[in-house]
Amino acid sequence: MIRISDTQLADLLLKLFENSAEAIFFFDRHGKVIALNHAAELILGAEVLDRMAAGDKEAICLTCKGYTSEQEMQTCMSCYMKNPQQDISSFQVYLDTKGKGVIPYTASYQTIDVENGIRVFMLRDLTKQYKTQEMLNQKMMMKNIIKAQEDERKRISRELHDGVAQEMLSSLVELRVLKYMNVDQEVLQKVQQTEGTLMRLLDDIRHLSVELRPAALDDLGLEAAFRTHFKWIEKNYGLVVHFTSELESKRYEGEIETVVYRICQEAIFNALKYANVDEMDVRLLEDNEALQLHVSDRGDGFDLNIVHPKGTGLGLYGMRERAELAEGRLTIASEPGKGTRIQLEIPLRKGGGTR
């Protein structure tokens, strides 16, 4: 243990009292404030300070809005100030502060001079920790919501593919049998029309199943899912996606693959709706210990300084949220008439985030 003189120790304690960011109060045995530091003065209103200076032992009650007990979030029952025999090393208290409203503090209240009955009351502002915790909770809640959405999409997609589509295919087979039976021309024509309708409906169901959650993404990975999706895009919308991948069929954690797929999907549909293009470039690679996705077009572009470009802007917002949930970074570069470039980087844990 390092030894210092009493004078040095007293000097350090005085500096701690004067310069600490924590509010520090000293009370006598009767509950009157005998000293408080600058940090404490900053959080108290003028009336409270005046009453403390006048020796009013109830002055602290003007600013205190209760502490957290085992029964209530905020209560004044069995007040921590009313029991001079009890030391409380850590508890939560709420003070109505000057200019900032009610703020939660972590507090300690304990005797430091038994002979003279001097007690110290110390407060540390918890606002920043609360905001950090709230952001973490929101992030976890959003992650759970998106996971639940993806799980439900997967369930419905499988049900459409394995259930509804298969039943409809069976109905088509049975319907085609009628064409080889002895039926008149009018009935045969109606059978053929119905067959055509069912075929179109079956295609719609298959497309809907893929859009909800492509089986290739879960079974074969990003490259296979992208190639299937881009072929469907070209067939149905005429948009040619030039896709290059340097992953060599490598697999990643399900959450990472889902984020990359959904962001790319949203970027392509945004280009389809607003960019006025018939070609796009998509590239997948690993670089700097991160999985990277590059999506670019040479279309109309937009002004990034405009809060709401064409459409609602919710697509870009959703892309950013998904990226943040995977601890990734999404970069969007665009100018009117110069196209749009989107880059996603998701850091990979040791082992490349593979599975």
Protein backbone atom coordinates (compact mmCIF):
# COMPACT_ATOMS: atom_id res chain seq x y z
CA MET A 1 0.00 0.00 0.00
CA ILE A 2 1.31 3.46 -0.92
CA ARG A 3 1.86 5.67 2.11
CA ILE A 4 1.33 9.43 2.01
CA SER A 5 1.34 12.02 4.75
CA ASP A 6 -1.80 13.19 6.48
CA THR A 7 -1.31 16.60 4.89
CA GLN A 8 -1.12 15.12 1.38
CA LEU A 9 -4.16 12.95 2.04
CA ALA A 10 -6.15 15.92 3.35
CA ASP A 11 -5.16 17.91 0.25
CA LEU A 12 -6.28 15.09 -2.07
CA LEU A 13 -9.60 14.72 -0.28
CA LEU A 14 -10.20 18.45 -0.50
CA LYS A 15 -9.50 18.39 -4.24
CA LEU A 16 -11.84 15.42 -4.60
CA PHE A 17 -14.58 17.34 -2.79
CA GLU A 18 -14.09 20.51 -4.84
CA ASN A 19 -13.54 18.99 -8.28
CA SER A 20 -15.61 15.82 -8.28
CA ALA A 21 -18.39 15.53 -10.87
CA GLU A 22 -20.40 13.75 -8.18
CA ALA A 23 -22.60 15.85 -5.93
CA ILE A 24 -21.36 15.62 -2.32
CA PHE A 25 -23.28 16.77 0.79
CA PHE A 26 -22.15 16.62 4.42
CA PHE A 27 -24.87 16.41 7.10
CA ASP A 28 -24.54 16.77 10.87
CA ARG A 29 -26.16 14.41 13.35
CA HIS A 30 -29.39 16.45 13.19
CA GLY A 31 -29.74 16.18 9.39
CA LYS A 32 -28.63 19.72 8.60
CA VAL A 33 -26.34 20.33 5.62
CA ILE A 34 -22.98 21.64 6.83
CA ALA A 35 -21.16 21.58 3.47
CA LEU A 36 -21.75 20.77 -0.20
CA ASN A 37 -19.49 20.89 -3.23
CA HIS A 38 -19.86 22.81 -6.50
CA ALA A 39 -21.38 19.83 -8.32
CA ALA A 40 -24.13 19.72 -5.68
CA GLU A 41 -24.79 23.44 -5.98
CA LEU A 42 -25.25 23.11 -9.75
CA ILE A 43 -28.20 20.73 -9.43
CA LEU A 44 -30.10 22.59 -6.72
CA GLY A 45 -32.49 25.50 -7.11
CA ALA A 46 -32.00 28.81 -5.31
CA GLU A 47 -34.76 28.15 -2.74
CA VAL A 48 -33.25 24.80 -1.76
CA LEU A 49 -29.79 26.33 -1.38
CA ASP A 50 -31.14 29.20 0.69
CA ARG A 51 -32.99 26.87 3.05
CA MET A 52 -29.94 24.66 3.42
CA ALA A 53 -27.83 27.72 4.26
CA ALA A 54 -30.45 28.68 6.85
CA GLY A 55 -30.04 25.28 8.51
CA ASP A 56 -33.39 23.79 7.42
CA LYS A 57 -32.93 20.03 7.77
CA GLU A 58 -35.99 19.44 5.56
CA ALA A 59 -34.50 21.42 2.64
CA ILE A 60 -33.36 18.28 0.80
CA CYS A 61 -37.00 17.18 0.66
CA LEU A 62 -37.76 20.09 -1.68
CA THR A 63 -35.66 18.50 -4.39
CA CYS A 64 -35.90 14.77 -3.57
CA LYS A 65 -38.70 12.91 -5.36
CA GLY A 66 -38.15 9.60 -3.62
CA TYR A 67 -35.85 6.62 -3.77
CA THR A 68 -36.27 3.12 -5.17
CA SER A 69 -37.23 0.55 -2.58
CA GLU A 70 -37.96 -3.15 -2.89
CA GLN A 71 -41.66 -2.31 -3.21
CA GLU A 72 -41.78 0.90 -5.29
CA MET A 73 -39.82 2.67 -8.01
CA GLN A 74 -40.15 6.03 -6.23
CA THR A 75 -41.14 6.31 -2.57
CA CYS A 76 -40.58 8.47 0.50
CA MET A 77 -41.56 5.73 2.93
CA SER A 78 -38.78 4.82 5.38
CA CYS A 79 -36.74 7.71 4.02
CA TYR A 80 -32.99 7.11 3.84
CA MET A 81 -32.44 10.45 5.60
CA LYS A 82 -34.54 9.58 8.65
CA ASN A 83 -32.47 6.76 10.10
CA PRO A 84 -29.11 8.07 11.37
CA GLN A 85 -28.04 4.57 12.40
CA GLN A 86 -28.38 3.10 8.91
CA ASP A 87 -25.64 3.31 6.28
CA ILE A 88 -26.70 2.63 2.68
CA SER A 89 -23.79 2.10 0.33
CA SER A 90 -25.78 2.08 -2.92
CA PHE A 91 -29.35 2.96 -3.82
CA GLN A 92 -31.26 4.89 -6.47
CA VAL A 93 -32.80 8.29 -5.79
CA TYR A 94 -34.62 10.86 -7.94
CA LEU A 95 -33.94 14.59 -7.63
CA ASP A 96 -35.77 17.48 -9.25
CA THR A 97 -32.72 19.35 -10.52
CA LYS A 98 -32.23 22.91 -11.68
CA GLY A 99 -33.02 23.21 -15.38
CA LYS A 100 -32.99 19.45 -16.09
CA GLY A 101 -36.10 18.17 -14.35
CA VAL A 102 -36.20 14.90 -12.42
CA ILE A 103 -32.99 12.91 -12.85
CA PRO A 104 -32.11 9.44 -11.49
CA TYR A 105 -28.97 9.17 -9.38
CA THR A 106 -27.12 6.33 -7.79
CA ALA A 107 -26.50 7.39 -4.21
CA SER A 108 -24.68 6.44 -1.02
CA TYR A 109 -25.41 7.76 2.47
CA GLN A 110 -23.09 6.78 5.26
CA THR A 111 -21.42 7.92 8.44
CA ILE A 112 -17.81 9.07 8.12
CA ASP A 113 -17.36 10.54 11.63
CA VAL A 114 -19.10 8.49 14.31
CA GLU A 115 -18.03 10.71 17.19
CA ASN A 116 -19.47 13.88 15.68
CA GLY A 117 -22.27 12.17 13.75
CA ILE A 118 -21.11 13.50 10.36
CA ARG A 119 -22.61 11.73 7.37
CA VAL A 120 -21.85 12.09 3.65
CA PHE A 121 -24.45 11.92 0.87
CA MET A 122 -22.96 11.29 -2.61
CA LEU A 123 -24.81 11.32 -5.93
CA ARG A 124 -23.80 10.13 -9.39
CA ASP A 125 -25.95 11.06 -12.41
CA LEU A 126 -27.38 7.96 -14.12
CA THR A 127 -28.89 9.74 -17.14
CA LYS A 128 -26.17 8.65 -19.57
CA GLN A 129 -26.28 5.05 -18.34
CA TYR A 130 -30.08 5.04 -18.65
CA LYS A 131 -29.91 6.33 -22.21
CA THR A 132 -27.29 3.74 -23.10
CA GLN A 133 -29.41 1.00 -21.54
CA GLU A 134 -32.51 2.28 -23.31
CA MET A 135 -30.72 2.27 -26.67
CA LEU A 136 -29.47 -1.26 -25.99
CA ASN A 137 -32.97 -2.41 -25.05
CA GLN A 138 -34.43 -0.82 -28.18
CA LYS A 139 -31.76 -2.46 -30.29
CA MET A 140 -32.41 -5.86 -28.73
CA MET A 141 -36.17 -5.41 -29.11
CA MET A 142 -35.78 -4.45 -32.77
CA LYS A 143 -33.49 -7.40 -33.34
CA ASN A 144 -36.04 -9.74 -31.77
CA ILE A 145 -38.85 -8.21 -33.85
CA ILE A 146 -36.91 -8.62 -37.09
CA LYS A 147 -35.97 -12.18 -36.15
CA ALA A 148 -39.62 -12.95 -35.41
CA GLN A 149 -40.61 -11.43 -38.76
CA GLU A 150 -38.03 -13.51 -40.61
CA ASP A 151 -39.09 -16.68 -38.78
CA GLU A 152 -42.72 -16.00 -39.66
CA ARG A 153 -41.78 -15.25 -43.26
CA LYS A 154 -39.91 -18.54 -43.39
CA ARG A 155 -42.86 -20.43 -41.94
CA ILE A 156 -45.38 -18.90 -44.36
CA SER A 157 -43.00 -19.35 -47.30
CA ARG A 158 -42.52 -23.04 -46.53
CA GLU A 159 -46.25 -23.50 -46.06
CA LEU A 160 -46.99 -21.83 -49.39
CA HIS A 161 -44.35 -23.88 -51.17
CA ASP A 162 -44.87 -27.24 -49.50
CA GLY A 163 -48.58 -26.97 -48.82
CA VAL A 164 -50.59 -24.63 -51.02
CA ALA A 165 -48.39 -24.95 -54.12
CA GLN A 166 -48.30 -28.74 -53.90
CA GLU A 167 -52.07 -28.98 -53.48
CA MET A 168 -52.57 -26.69 -56.45
CA LEU A 169 -50.15 -28.76 -58.52
CA SER A 170 -52.13 -31.88 -57.66
CA SER A 171 -55.32 -30.11 -58.73
CA LEU A 172 -53.69 -29.18 -62.03
CA VAL A 173 -52.72 -32.79 -62.69
CA GLU A 174 -56.29 -33.95 -61.98
CA LEU A 175 -57.68 -31.18 -64.18
CA ARG A 176 -55.45 -32.18 -67.09
CA VAL A 177 -56.84 -35.68 -66.92
CA LEU A 178 -60.22 -34.25 -68.02
CA LYS A 179 -58.69 -33.27 -71.36
CA TYR A 180 -58.26 -36.93 -72.21
CA MET A 181 -61.79 -37.89 -71.24
CA ASN A 182 -64.78 -37.96 -73.52
CA VAL A 183 -66.04 -34.39 -73.02
CA ASP A 184 -67.52 -31.95 -75.49
CA GLN A 185 -65.56 -29.04 -76.95
CA GLU A 186 -67.15 -26.40 -74.74
CA VAL A 187 -66.19 -28.24 -71.55
CA LEU A 188 -62.68 -28.85 -72.89
CA GLN A 189 -62.24 -25.15 -73.64
CA LYS A 190 -63.35 -24.27 -70.13
CA VAL A 191 -60.91 -26.82 -68.68
CA GLN A 192 -58.05 -25.26 -70.64
CA GLN A 193 -58.98 -21.77 -69.42
CA THR A 194 -59.10 -22.97 -65.84
CA GLU A 195 -55.75 -24.72 -66.29
CA GLY A 196 -54.19 -21.47 -67.52
CA THR A 197 -55.61 -19.56 -64.55
CA LEU A 198 -54.29 -22.13 -62.09
CA MET A 199 -50.86 -22.08 -63.72
CA ARG A 200 -50.64 -18.30 -63.35
CA LEU A 201 -51.82 -18.55 -59.76
CA LEU A 202 -49.25 -21.26 -59.04
CA ASP A 203 -46.48 -19.03 -60.43
CA ASP A 204 -47.69 -16.16 -58.26
CA ILE A 205 -47.63 -18.37 -55.17
CA ARG A 206 -44.11 -19.56 -55.94
CA HIS A 207 -42.92 -15.99 -56.46
CA LEU A 208 -44.60 -14.89 -53.25
CA SER A 209 -42.96 -17.77 -51.41
CA VAL A 210 -39.53 -16.74 -52.68
CA GLU A 211 -40.11 -13.08 -51.85
CA LEU A 212 -41.19 -13.90 -48.32
CA ARG A 213 -38.11 -15.99 -47.65
CA PRO A 214 -36.12 -17.79 -50.38
CA ALA A 215 -35.40 -21.37 -49.41
CA ALA A 216 -32.04 -21.04 -51.17
CA LEU A 217 -30.91 -18.50 -48.58
CA ASP A 218 -31.30 -20.99 -45.73
CA ASP A 219 -30.29 -24.09 -47.66
CA LEU A 220 -27.49 -22.86 -49.94
CA GLY A 221 -26.43 -19.40 -48.80
CA LEU A 222 -26.13 -15.88 -50.16
CA GLU A 223 -24.68 -16.59 -53.59
CA ALA A 224 -27.38 -19.09 -54.55
CA ALA A 225 -30.14 -16.88 -53.15
CA PHE A 226 -28.83 -13.84 -55.04
CA ARG A 227 -28.50 -15.68 -58.36
CA THR A 228 -32.07 -16.99 -58.07
CA HIS A 229 -33.41 -13.56 -57.07
CA PHE A 230 -31.58 -11.74 -59.88
CA LYS A 231 -32.90 -14.18 -62.50
CA TRP A 232 -36.42 -13.55 -61.22
CA ILE A 233 -35.84 -9.78 -61.31
CA GLU A 234 -34.63 -9.95 -64.92
CA LYS A 235 -37.51 -12.19 -66.00
CA ASN A 236 -40.24 -10.09 -64.39
CA TYR A 237 -38.87 -6.54 -64.60
CA GLY A 238 -36.25 -6.65 -67.34
CA LEU A 239 -33.55 -5.35 -64.98
CA VAL A 240 -30.18 -7.02 -65.60
CA VAL A 241 -28.08 -7.44 -62.46
CA HIS A 242 -24.38 -8.02 -63.11
CA PHE A 243 -23.44 -10.13 -60.10
CA THR A 244 -19.92 -11.02 -59.02
CA SER A 245 -19.00 -12.92 -55.89
CA GLU A 246 -15.64 -13.69 -54.31
CA LEU A 247 -17.02 -15.82 -51.49
CA GLU A 248 -16.71 -19.23 -53.17
CA SER A 249 -20.01 -20.44 -51.70
CA LYS A 250 -18.87 -19.57 -48.18
CA ARG A 251 -21.60 -19.60 -45.50
CA TYR A 252 -22.16 -17.11 -42.67
CA GLU A 253 -24.32 -16.82 -39.59
CA GLY A 254 -28.01 -16.75 -40.41
CA GLU A 255 -28.47 -13.20 -39.11
CA ILE A 256 -25.62 -11.87 -41.27
CA GLU A 257 -26.88 -13.59 -44.41
CA THR A 258 -30.39 -12.29 -43.81
CA VAL A 259 -29.20 -8.69 -43.32
CA VAL A 260 -27.07 -8.74 -46.48
CA TYR A 261 -29.86 -10.31 -48.55
CA ARG A 262 -32.58 -7.90 -47.34
CA ILE A 263 -30.43 -4.79 -47.83
CA CYS A 264 -29.50 -5.86 -51.36
CA GLN A 265 -33.13 -6.71 -52.09
CA GLU A 266 -34.28 -3.28 -50.89
CA ALA A 267 -31.53 -1.49 -52.83
CA ILE A 268 -32.56 -3.21 -56.07
CA PHE A 269 -36.26 -2.49 -55.62
CA ASN A 270 -35.46 1.16 -54.84
CA ALA A 271 -33.50 1.35 -58.10
CA LEU A 272 -36.37 -0.30 -59.97
CA LYS A 273 -38.88 2.21 -58.63
CA TYR A 274 -36.87 5.42 -58.75
CA ALA A 275 -33.54 5.19 -60.58
CA ASN A 276 -34.82 4.60 -64.14
CA VAL A 277 -32.19 1.97 -64.96
CA ASP A 278 -32.09 -1.33 -66.82
CA GLU A 279 -28.72 -2.52 -65.45
CA MET A 280 -27.12 -2.73 -62.00
CA ASP A 281 -23.94 -4.09 -60.45
CA VAL A 282 -23.80 -6.20 -57.29
CA ARG A 283 -20.58 -7.46 -55.74
CA LEU A 284 -20.00 -9.70 -52.70
CA LEU A 285 -16.59 -10.07 -51.09
CA GLU A 286 -14.60 -10.39 -47.89
CA ASP A 287 -12.08 -7.64 -47.14
CA ASN A 288 -10.50 -6.16 -44.01
CA GLU A 289 -12.11 -8.88 -41.86
CA ALA A 290 -15.55 -7.82 -43.02
CA LEU A 291 -18.23 -9.15 -45.35
CA GLN A 292 -18.90 -6.47 -47.93
CA LEU A 293 -21.80 -5.84 -50.29
CA HIS A 294 -21.54 -3.27 -53.08
CA VAL A 295 -24.64 -2.27 -55.05
CA SER A 296 -24.41 0.44 -57.71
CA ASP A 297 -26.38 1.85 -60.62
CA ARG A 298 -25.92 4.64 -63.14
CA GLY A 299 -29.47 5.93 -62.85
CA ASP A 300 -31.16 9.16 -61.81
CA GLY A 301 -29.68 9.31 -58.31
CA PHE A 302 -30.97 11.70 -55.64
CA ASP A 303 -29.85 14.44 -53.26
CA LEU A 304 -28.79 12.94 -49.94
CA ASN A 305 -29.40 16.28 -48.22
CA ILE A 306 -33.11 16.02 -48.91
CA VAL A 307 -34.72 14.32 -45.89
CA HIS A 308 -37.30 12.47 -47.99
CA PRO A 309 -36.13 11.68 -51.53
CA LYS A 310 -38.57 10.03 -53.90
CA GLY A 311 -40.87 7.78 -51.95
CA THR A 312 -41.12 7.73 -48.17
CA GLY A 313 -37.47 7.22 -47.35
CA LEU A 314 -38.46 4.28 -45.15
CA GLY A 315 -36.51 1.90 -47.39
CA LEU A 316 -33.23 3.67 -46.61
CA TYR A 317 -34.17 3.88 -42.94
CA GLY A 318 -34.90 0.13 -42.82
CA MET A 319 -31.60 -0.64 -44.53
CA ARG A 320 -29.68 1.40 -41.96
CA GLU A 321 -31.52 -0.23 -39.07
CA ARG A 322 -30.79 -3.72 -40.35
CA ALA A 323 -27.12 -2.84 -40.82
CA GLU A 324 -26.83 -1.46 -37.27
CA LEU A 325 -28.45 -4.57 -35.79
CA ALA A 326 -25.67 -6.67 -37.34
CA GLU A 327 -23.07 -4.13 -36.10
CA GLY A 328 -22.48 -3.21 -39.73
CA ARG A 329 -21.89 0.09 -41.48
CA LEU A 330 -24.01 1.22 -44.41
CA THR A 331 -22.68 3.92 -46.72
CA ILE A 332 -24.89 5.55 -49.36
CA ALA A 333 -23.45 7.85 -52.03
CA SER A 334 -25.69 9.47 -54.62
CA GLU A 335 -26.05 12.61 -56.72
CA PRO A 336 -28.79 13.63 -59.13
CA GLY A 337 -27.94 12.27 -62.57
CA LYS A 338 -24.90 10.32 -61.32
CA GLY A 339 -26.47 7.17 -59.95
CA THR A 340 -26.33 5.59 -56.50
CA ARG A 341 -23.70 3.49 -54.74
CA ILE A 342 -24.47 1.50 -51.62
CA GLN A 343 -21.81 -0.24 -49.57
CA LEU A 344 -22.44 -2.49 -46.60
CA GLU A 345 -19.66 -3.73 -44.30
CA ILE A 346 -20.34 -6.26 -41.56
CA PRO A 347 -17.39 -7.11 -39.30
CA LEU A 348 -16.74 -10.82 -38.97
CA ARG A 349 -15.82 -12.44 -35.71
CA LYS A 350 -12.88 -14.79 -35.43
CA GLY A 351 -13.48 -17.62 -37.85
CA GLY A 352 -15.04 -15.30 -40.43
CA GLY A 353 -18.52 -15.47 -38.96
CA THR A 354 -19.01 -18.71 -40.85
CA ARG A 355 -21.16 -21.62 -39.87
